[in-house]
Structures are given as C-alpha cells and as structure tokens.
Amino acid sequence: MDFGPKVSTVPNLGHIIDLEGATISKHVFSRIIRIMPRVHKEKRENLRFYCSESIIDNYRSQLSSRNISLGDCSLLGNEPLLAFGIPIISSPMIPEDLDAFGESKGWTDCTQIWLTICGNLRVEIDHYNRIVIVIKDPNALVIGHSIKV
C-alpha cells in the first residue's frame, strides 16, 4: 500500500505523514516506521507507538482473525500488543474525532499514531491549567494522521 508523498517535517513537531483515511493495519505501522530517521531506528527496543484505544481494539481485532497463536492471544487480550517488535501503548490524550489535519480534508472520525523514543514526550500543565505535551527531540517523533477509526 502506497500512501503517496505526503510526508513533511515540521519544526518543533517532528515528521508528519498523511495516511489519507487508511484503516489500521501492519502497512500503517510499517509506513510510520519508515519515516523515523535511521539514527532512532537503530535501537528499536527504545521505540514506542502511542495511539487511541480504538486503534488498539481495531488492530487487536484484525490480529485475532489470523489462524495462528498470535490471533488467539490478541483475541484474549492477555499479551502486550506489538507492531514489528515495537510496543503499542494506549494514550487517551490522542483524540478520535478529528476531521482534518494539515492539508488532509474530508475524513471524519480520524485519529493519529505517534512513534517516538522512550522519554521523548513529557506531559505538563501550563499556567492556564491546560495539558501540554513537551517534545524533547522533534526529530525523534513521527505522527501518522488521518487514520480511520
């Protein structure tokens, strides 16, 4: 599956890829991994995917349809979920009701997946009591957006 050339790097935000309303699959995770700079991919054990609970449920459902032991474990929900050896972590802070992001238009009920290294994101509360996500190294962050929920 080719998602086209809609990849950009945004200062202080990281690498952004428009997934154009794709449903969750191994191809989505693979495309996000390919965007991560090589220097951060060398230690894959330090990488983490962060996504909404619906994405985790949908991916677990997709894996459970496979006729292998991974399918059974995914259905029972008793194993940590991985994509290409990278843990997938639920983040309730990632919205599931996005209509557009950047130049992507026409998608409703979309979400994002973030891939970054351990310790790169920090949650703080600003002086207006708003939650702020601080990115230590934007080069070590890939955001895949416009994923259909």
N, C-alpha and C. Protein backbone atom coordinates (compact mmCIF):
# COMPACT_ATOMS: atom_id res chain seq x y z
N MET A 1 0.85 -1.17 0.00
CA MET A 1 0.00 0.00 0.00
C MET A 1 0.89 1.23 0.00
N ASP A 2 0.64 2.15 -0.91
CA ASP A 2 1.43 3.37 -1.01
C ASP A 2 0.59 4.54 -0.56
N PHE A 3 1.07 5.29 0.39
CA PHE A 3 0.34 6.43 0.91
C PHE A 3 0.76 7.73 0.22
N GLY A 4 1.57 7.64 -0.80
CA GLY A 4 1.96 8.84 -1.54
C GLY A 4 3.01 9.66 -0.83
N PRO A 5 3.35 10.80 -1.43
CA PRO A 5 4.45 11.62 -0.94
C PRO A 5 4.07 12.62 0.14
N LYS A 6 2.99 12.44 0.83
CA LYS A 6 2.52 13.44 1.79
C LYS A 6 3.22 13.29 3.13
N VAL A 7 4.52 13.47 3.11
CA VAL A 7 5.32 13.44 4.32
C VAL A 7 5.99 14.79 4.46
N SER A 8 5.96 15.35 5.65
CA SER A 8 6.62 16.64 5.86
C SER A 8 7.29 16.64 7.21
N THR A 9 8.22 17.54 7.38
CA THR A 9 8.88 17.73 8.67
C THR A 9 8.50 19.12 9.15
N VAL A 10 7.96 19.19 10.35
CA VAL A 10 7.50 20.46 10.92
C VAL A 10 8.42 20.80 12.09
N PRO A 11 9.06 21.98 12.05
CA PRO A 11 9.94 22.36 13.16
C PRO A 11 9.21 22.29 14.50
N ASN A 12 9.86 21.76 15.50
CA ASN A 12 9.32 21.62 16.86
C ASN A 12 8.16 20.64 16.98
N LEU A 13 7.79 19.96 15.90
CA LEU A 13 6.71 18.99 15.98
C LEU A 13 7.12 17.61 15.48
N GLY A 14 8.05 17.52 14.56
CA GLY A 14 8.52 16.22 14.10
C GLY A 14 8.17 15.95 12.66
N HIS A 15 8.15 14.67 12.32
CA HIS A 15 7.86 14.21 10.96
C HIS A 15 6.38 13.84 10.91
N ILE A 16 5.69 14.34 9.90
CA ILE A 16 4.25 14.17 9.78
C ILE A 16 3.95 13.41 8.50
N ILE A 17 3.07 12.40 8.59
CA ILE A 17 2.66 11.65 7.41
C ILE A 17 1.13 11.59 7.37
N ASP A 18 0.58 11.92 6.21
CA ASP A 18 -0.86 11.87 5.98
C ASP A 18 -1.21 10.46 5.50
N LEU A 19 -1.99 9.74 6.29
CA LEU A 19 -2.35 8.36 5.95
C LEU A 19 -3.69 8.28 5.21
N GLU A 20 -4.27 9.43 4.91
CA GLU A 20 -5.39 9.56 3.98
C GLU A 20 -6.57 8.64 4.27
N GLY A 21 -6.96 8.53 5.52
CA GLY A 21 -8.14 7.75 5.87
C GLY A 21 -7.95 6.25 5.88
N ALA A 22 -6.71 5.79 5.91
CA ALA A 22 -6.44 4.35 5.95
C ALA A 22 -6.99 3.74 7.24
N THR A 23 -7.38 2.49 7.16
CA THR A 23 -7.74 1.76 8.38
C THR A 23 -6.47 1.14 8.93
N ILE A 24 -6.48 0.84 10.21
CA ILE A 24 -5.27 0.33 10.86
C ILE A 24 -4.88 -1.03 10.28
N SER A 25 -3.60 -1.18 10.03
CA SER A 25 -3.07 -2.44 9.51
C SER A 25 -1.56 -2.42 9.71
N LYS A 26 -0.93 -3.54 9.42
CA LYS A 26 0.52 -3.60 9.53
C LYS A 26 1.17 -2.61 8.56
N HIS A 27 0.50 -2.30 7.45
CA HIS A 27 1.04 -1.36 6.47
C HIS A 27 1.14 0.05 7.05
N VAL A 28 0.16 0.44 7.87
CA VAL A 28 0.18 1.76 8.50
C VAL A 28 1.38 1.86 9.44
N PHE A 29 1.56 0.85 10.29
CA PHE A 29 2.70 0.85 11.21
C PHE A 29 4.02 0.85 10.45
N SER A 30 4.11 0.06 9.39
CA SER A 30 5.33 -0.03 8.60
C SER A 30 5.68 1.32 7.97
N ARG A 31 4.67 2.00 7.44
CA ARG A 31 4.92 3.30 6.80
C ARG A 31 5.42 4.32 7.82
N ILE A 32 4.86 4.30 9.01
CA ILE A 32 5.28 5.23 10.06
C ILE A 32 6.73 4.93 10.47
N ILE A 33 7.07 3.67 10.61
CA ILE A 33 8.44 3.28 10.97
C ILE A 33 9.43 3.77 9.91
N ARG A 34 9.07 3.63 8.64
CA ARG A 34 9.98 4.03 7.57
C ARG A 34 10.31 5.52 7.59
N ILE A 35 9.44 6.33 8.15
CA ILE A 35 9.66 7.78 8.20
C ILE A 35 10.63 8.15 9.33
N MET A 36 10.68 7.33 10.37
CA MET A 36 11.57 7.63 11.50
C MET A 36 13.02 7.64 11.03
N PRO A 37 13.79 8.67 11.38
CA PRO A 37 15.20 8.72 10.98
C PRO A 37 15.97 7.48 11.47
N ARG A 38 16.88 7.03 10.65
CA ARG A 38 17.64 5.80 10.91
C ARG A 38 18.33 5.80 12.27
N VAL A 39 18.85 6.94 12.70
CA VAL A 39 19.58 7.00 13.97
C VAL A 39 18.70 6.56 15.13
N HIS A 40 17.39 6.79 15.04
CA HIS A 40 16.48 6.39 16.12
C HIS A 40 15.96 4.97 15.93
N LYS A 41 15.99 4.46 14.70
CA LYS A 41 15.53 3.09 14.45
C LYS A 41 16.57 2.05 14.83
N GLU A 42 17.82 2.46 15.00
CA GLU A 42 18.89 1.51 15.30
C GLU A 42 18.65 0.77 16.61
N LYS A 43 18.03 1.45 17.57
CA LYS A 43 17.71 0.81 18.85
C LYS A 43 16.19 0.69 18.95
N ARG A 44 15.66 -0.27 18.21
CA ARG A 44 14.21 -0.45 18.13
C ARG A 44 13.57 -0.69 19.49
N GLU A 45 14.34 -1.25 20.43
CA GLU A 45 13.77 -1.51 21.77
C GLU A 45 13.43 -0.21 22.49
N ASN A 46 13.94 0.92 22.03
CA ASN A 46 13.62 2.22 22.64
C ASN A 46 12.42 2.91 22.00
N LEU A 47 11.87 2.33 20.93
CA LEU A 47 10.74 2.95 20.24
C LEU A 47 9.41 2.54 20.85
N ARG A 48 8.42 3.43 20.76
CA ARG A 48 7.07 3.16 21.24
C ARG A 48 6.07 3.80 20.29
N PHE A 49 4.98 3.07 20.00
CA PHE A 49 3.83 3.63 19.31
C PHE A 49 2.85 4.09 20.38
N TYR A 50 2.25 5.25 20.19
CA TYR A 50 1.18 5.74 21.07
C TYR A 50 -0.04 5.99 20.19
N CYS A 51 -1.18 5.46 20.60
CA CYS A 51 -2.39 5.64 19.81
C CYS A 51 -3.63 5.55 20.71
N SER A 52 -4.78 5.83 20.11
CA SER A 52 -6.03 5.79 20.86
C SER A 52 -6.44 4.35 21.13
N GLU A 53 -7.32 4.18 22.09
CA GLU A 53 -7.80 2.85 22.46
C GLU A 53 -8.54 2.18 21.30
N SER A 54 -9.26 2.95 20.48
CA SER A 54 -9.97 2.37 19.34
C SER A 54 -9.02 1.75 18.33
N ILE A 55 -7.88 2.39 18.12
CA ILE A 55 -6.89 1.83 17.20
C ILE A 55 -6.37 0.51 17.75
N ILE A 56 -6.10 0.47 19.05
CA ILE A 56 -5.64 -0.78 19.67
C ILE A 56 -6.70 -1.87 19.52
N ASP A 57 -7.96 -1.53 19.80
CA ASP A 57 -9.05 -2.51 19.66
C ASP A 57 -9.17 -3.01 18.22
N ASN A 58 -9.11 -2.08 17.26
CA ASN A 58 -9.24 -2.46 15.86
C ASN A 58 -8.07 -3.34 15.40
N TYR A 59 -6.86 -3.01 15.84
CA TYR A 59 -5.70 -3.81 15.45
C TYR A 59 -5.74 -5.18 16.12
N ARG A 60 -6.14 -5.20 17.38
CA ARG A 60 -6.27 -6.48 18.09
C ARG A 60 -7.32 -7.36 17.40
N SER A 61 -8.42 -6.75 16.97
CA SER A 61 -9.46 -7.49 16.26
C SER A 61 -8.94 -8.04 14.94
N GLN A 62 -8.16 -7.23 14.23
CA GLN A 62 -7.58 -7.67 12.97
C GLN A 62 -6.62 -8.84 13.19
N LEU A 63 -5.78 -8.75 14.22
CA LEU A 63 -4.85 -9.83 14.51
C LEU A 63 -5.57 -11.10 14.96
N SER A 64 -6.67 -10.94 15.67
CA SER A 64 -7.38 -12.11 16.20
C SER A 64 -8.01 -12.94 15.09
N SER A 65 -8.19 -12.37 13.91
CA SER A 65 -8.77 -13.13 12.80
C SER A 65 -7.75 -14.07 12.15
N ARG A 66 -6.48 -13.94 12.52
CA ARG A 66 -5.45 -14.80 11.96
C ARG A 66 -5.47 -16.17 12.64
N ASN A 67 -5.27 -17.21 11.87
CA ASN A 67 -5.33 -18.57 12.39
C ASN A 67 -3.97 -19.04 12.91
N ILE A 68 -3.42 -18.25 13.83
CA ILE A 68 -2.16 -18.61 14.48
C ILE A 68 -2.29 -18.28 15.96
N SER A 69 -1.32 -18.66 16.74
CA SER A 69 -1.40 -18.42 18.18
C SER A 69 -1.46 -16.92 18.50
N LEU A 70 -0.85 -16.08 17.67
CA LEU A 70 -0.92 -14.64 17.89
C LEU A 70 -2.37 -14.16 17.81
N GLY A 71 -3.15 -14.76 16.91
CA GLY A 71 -4.56 -14.40 16.80
C GLY A 71 -5.31 -14.71 18.08
N ASP A 72 -5.07 -15.88 18.68
CA ASP A 72 -5.72 -16.24 19.93
C ASP A 72 -5.32 -15.30 21.05
N CYS A 73 -4.04 -15.00 21.16
CA CYS A 73 -3.56 -14.09 22.21
C CYS A 73 -4.16 -12.70 22.03
N SER A 74 -4.28 -12.26 20.79
CA SER A 74 -4.85 -10.93 20.53
C SER A 74 -6.32 -10.89 20.91
N LEU A 75 -7.03 -11.98 20.63
CA LEU A 75 -8.45 -12.04 20.95
C LEU A 75 -8.67 -12.03 22.46
N LEU A 76 -7.83 -12.75 23.18
CA LEU A 76 -7.97 -12.82 24.63
C LEU A 76 -7.46 -11.55 25.32
N GLY A 77 -6.63 -10.82 24.64
CA GLY A 77 -6.13 -9.55 25.18
C GLY A 77 -5.15 -9.69 26.32
N ASN A 78 -4.51 -10.86 26.43
CA ASN A 78 -3.61 -11.06 27.56
C ASN A 78 -2.13 -10.88 27.21
N GLU A 79 -1.83 -10.46 26.00
CA GLU A 79 -0.46 -10.24 25.60
C GLU A 79 -0.27 -8.78 25.23
N PRO A 80 0.90 -8.21 25.52
CA PRO A 80 1.16 -6.84 25.06
C PRO A 80 1.09 -6.80 23.54
N LEU A 81 0.55 -5.73 23.01
CA LEU A 81 0.40 -5.59 21.57
C LEU A 81 1.66 -4.96 20.99
N LEU A 82 2.19 -5.57 19.92
CA LEU A 82 3.40 -5.10 19.26
C LEU A 82 3.13 -4.94 17.77
N ALA A 83 3.84 -4.03 17.16
CA ALA A 83 3.87 -3.92 15.70
C ALA A 83 5.33 -3.88 15.29
N PHE A 84 5.77 -4.90 14.58
CA PHE A 84 7.17 -5.01 14.16
C PHE A 84 8.12 -4.93 15.35
N GLY A 85 7.71 -5.55 16.47
CA GLY A 85 8.53 -5.60 17.67
C GLY A 85 8.48 -4.36 18.53
N ILE A 86 7.68 -3.37 18.15
CA ILE A 86 7.58 -2.11 18.89
C ILE A 86 6.28 -2.11 19.69
N PRO A 87 6.35 -1.88 21.00
CA PRO A 87 5.13 -1.86 21.81
C PRO A 87 4.15 -0.76 21.37
N ILE A 88 2.86 -1.11 21.42
CA ILE A 88 1.79 -0.16 21.11
C ILE A 88 1.13 0.19 22.43
N ILE A 89 1.13 1.46 22.77
CA ILE A 89 0.65 1.91 24.07
C ILE A 89 -0.57 2.79 23.90
N SER A 90 -1.59 2.51 24.68
CA SER A 90 -2.82 3.30 24.64
C SER A 90 -2.58 4.67 25.26
N SER A 91 -3.05 5.71 24.57
CA SER A 91 -2.94 7.07 25.09
C SER A 91 -4.30 7.76 24.96
N PRO A 92 -5.02 7.91 26.07
CA PRO A 92 -6.33 8.55 26.00
C PRO A 92 -6.27 10.02 25.60
N MET A 93 -5.09 10.60 25.56
CA MET A 93 -4.95 12.01 25.17
C MET A 93 -5.00 12.19 23.65
N ILE A 94 -4.90 11.12 22.89
CA ILE A 94 -4.95 11.23 21.43
C ILE A 94 -6.42 11.18 21.01
N PRO A 95 -6.92 12.24 20.37
CA PRO A 95 -8.35 12.30 20.01
C PRO A 95 -8.72 11.31 18.91
N GLU A 96 -10.01 10.95 18.88
CA GLU A 96 -10.52 10.02 17.87
C GLU A 96 -11.56 10.67 16.97
N ASP A 97 -11.74 11.97 17.09
CA ASP A 97 -12.81 12.63 16.35
C ASP A 97 -12.30 13.77 15.47
N LEU A 98 -11.12 13.59 14.92
CA LEU A 98 -10.53 14.64 14.09
C LEU A 98 -11.16 14.63 12.70
N ASP A 99 -11.42 15.81 12.16
CA ASP A 99 -11.95 15.93 10.80
C ASP A 99 -10.85 16.16 9.78
N ALA A 100 -9.80 16.84 10.19
CA ALA A 100 -8.72 17.15 9.25
C ALA A 100 -7.46 17.46 10.05
N PHE A 101 -6.33 17.34 9.38
CA PHE A 101 -5.04 17.65 9.99
C PHE A 101 -4.16 18.16 8.86
N GLY A 102 -3.66 19.35 8.98
CA GLY A 102 -2.84 19.90 7.90
C GLY A 102 -3.65 20.06 6.64
N GLU A 103 -3.20 19.47 5.55
CA GLU A 103 -3.87 19.59 4.26
C GLU A 103 -4.87 18.47 4.01
N SER A 104 -4.95 17.49 4.89
CA SER A 104 -5.86 16.37 4.70
C SER A 104 -7.28 16.85 4.98
N LYS A 105 -8.18 16.65 4.04
CA LYS A 105 -9.56 17.09 4.18
C LYS A 105 -10.51 15.94 3.89
N GLY A 106 -11.70 16.05 4.41
CA GLY A 106 -12.75 15.11 4.05
C GLY A 106 -12.83 13.85 4.88
N TRP A 107 -11.95 13.67 5.84
CA TRP A 107 -12.00 12.49 6.68
C TRP A 107 -12.68 12.88 7.99
N THR A 108 -13.58 12.05 8.46
CA THR A 108 -14.20 12.29 9.76
C THR A 108 -13.91 11.10 10.66
N ASP A 109 -13.99 11.34 11.95
CA ASP A 109 -13.71 10.29 12.95
C ASP A 109 -12.34 9.67 12.70
N CYS A 110 -11.35 10.51 12.60
CA CYS A 110 -9.98 10.05 12.38
C CYS A 110 -9.14 10.29 13.63
N THR A 111 -8.01 9.63 13.66
CA THR A 111 -7.11 9.74 14.80
C THR A 111 -5.67 9.76 14.31
N GLN A 112 -4.74 9.66 15.25
CA GLN A 112 -3.31 9.71 14.94
C GLN A 112 -2.59 8.56 15.64
N ILE A 113 -1.42 8.23 15.13
CA ILE A 113 -0.50 7.32 15.81
C ILE A 113 0.83 8.05 15.92
N TRP A 114 1.42 8.03 17.09
CA TRP A 114 2.71 8.66 17.31
C TRP A 114 3.75 7.57 17.50
N LEU A 115 4.91 7.73 16.88
CA LEU A 115 6.05 6.85 17.09
C LEU A 115 7.19 7.72 17.59
N THR A 116 7.75 7.35 18.73
CA THR A 116 8.86 8.13 19.28
C THR A 116 9.74 7.23 20.14
N ILE A 117 10.82 7.79 20.61
CA ILE A 117 11.72 7.07 21.50
C ILE A 117 11.26 7.26 22.95
N CYS A 118 11.63 6.34 23.81
CA CYS A 118 11.28 6.43 25.23
C CYS A 118 11.79 7.74 25.81
N GLY A 119 10.98 8.39 26.60
CA GLY A 119 11.38 9.60 27.30
C GLY A 119 11.37 10.86 26.46
N ASN A 120 10.90 10.77 25.20
CA ASN A 120 10.90 11.94 24.33
C ASN A 120 9.71 12.86 24.58
N LEU A 121 8.64 12.33 25.13
CA LEU A 121 7.44 13.12 25.38
C LEU A 121 7.25 13.31 26.88
N ARG A 122 6.86 14.50 27.26
CA ARG A 122 6.58 14.79 28.66
C ARG A 122 5.28 15.58 28.72
N VAL A 123 4.41 15.20 29.64
CA VAL A 123 3.14 15.90 29.81
C VAL A 123 3.28 16.89 30.96
N GLU A 124 2.89 18.12 30.69
CA GLU A 124 2.94 19.17 31.70
C GLU A 124 1.62 19.91 31.72
N ILE A 125 1.42 20.69 32.75
CA ILE A 125 0.26 21.58 32.84
C ILE A 125 0.79 23.00 32.83
N ASP A 126 0.28 23.81 31.88
CA ASP A 126 0.78 25.19 31.77
C ASP A 126 0.10 26.09 32.81
N HIS A 127 0.43 27.37 32.79
CA HIS A 127 -0.09 28.28 33.80
C HIS A 127 -1.58 28.59 33.60
N TYR A 128 -2.19 28.11 32.50
CA TYR A 128 -3.64 28.23 32.29
C TYR A 128 -4.36 26.93 32.63
N ASN A 129 -3.63 25.99 33.26
CA ASN A 129 -4.14 24.67 33.62
C ASN A 129 -4.54 23.84 32.40
N ARG A 130 -3.85 24.04 31.29
CA ARG A 130 -4.05 23.23 30.10
C ARG A 130 -2.96 22.16 30.06
N ILE A 131 -3.31 21.01 29.52
CA ILE A 131 -2.33 19.94 29.36
C ILE A 131 -1.50 20.24 28.12
N VAL A 132 -0.19 20.17 28.28
CA VAL A 132 0.75 20.45 27.19
C VAL A 132 1.69 19.26 27.06
N ILE A 133 1.91 18.83 25.82
CA ILE A 133 2.88 17.76 25.58
C ILE A 133 4.17 18.41 25.11
N VAL A 134 5.24 18.18 25.84
CA VAL A 134 6.55 18.74 25.52
C VAL A 134 7.34 17.68 24.77
N ILE A 135 7.86 18.05 23.62
CA ILE A 135 8.66 17.14 22.79
C ILE A 135 10.12 17.53 22.95
N LYS A 136 10.91 16.63 23.53
CA LYS A 136 12.33 16.92 23.74
C LYS A 136 13.10 16.99 22.44
N ASP A 137 12.91 15.99 21.56
CA ASP A 137 13.63 15.92 20.29
C ASP A 137 12.62 15.70 19.16
N PRO A 138 12.19 16.76 18.48
CA PRO A 138 11.21 16.61 17.40
C PRO A 138 11.67 15.68 16.28
N ASN A 139 12.96 15.55 16.08
CA ASN A 139 13.47 14.65 15.05
C ASN A 139 13.20 13.18 15.38
N ALA A 140 12.90 12.90 16.64
CA ALA A 140 12.64 11.52 17.08
C ALA A 140 11.14 11.27 17.24
N LEU A 141 10.31 12.02 16.50
CA LEU A 141 8.86 11.84 16.57
C LEU A 141 8.28 11.78 15.17
N VAL A 142 7.45 10.76 14.92
CA VAL A 142 6.69 10.65 13.68
C VAL A 142 5.22 10.59 14.07
N ILE A 143 4.43 11.45 13.44
CA ILE A 143 2.99 11.45 13.68
C ILE A 143 2.31 11.04 12.38
N GLY A 144 1.62 9.91 12.42
CA GLY A 144 0.78 9.48 11.30
C GLY A 144 -0.63 9.92 11.60
N HIS A 145 -1.21 10.72 10.71
CA HIS A 145 -2.56 11.25 10.98
C HIS A 145 -3.56 10.82 9.91
N SER A 146 -4.82 11.10 10.18
CA SER A 146 -5.94 10.78 9.30
C SER A 146 -6.10 9.26 9.14
N ILE A 147 -6.08 8.56 10.27
CA ILE A 147 -6.31 7.12 10.30
C ILE A 147 -7.76 6.92 10.69
N LYS A 148 -8.50 6.18 9.91
CA LYS A 148 -9.92 5.95 10.14
C LYS A 148 -10.11 5.12 11.41
N VAL A 149 -11.04 5.55 12.25
CA VAL A 149 -11.34 4.81 13.48
C VAL A 149 -12.47 3.84 13.19
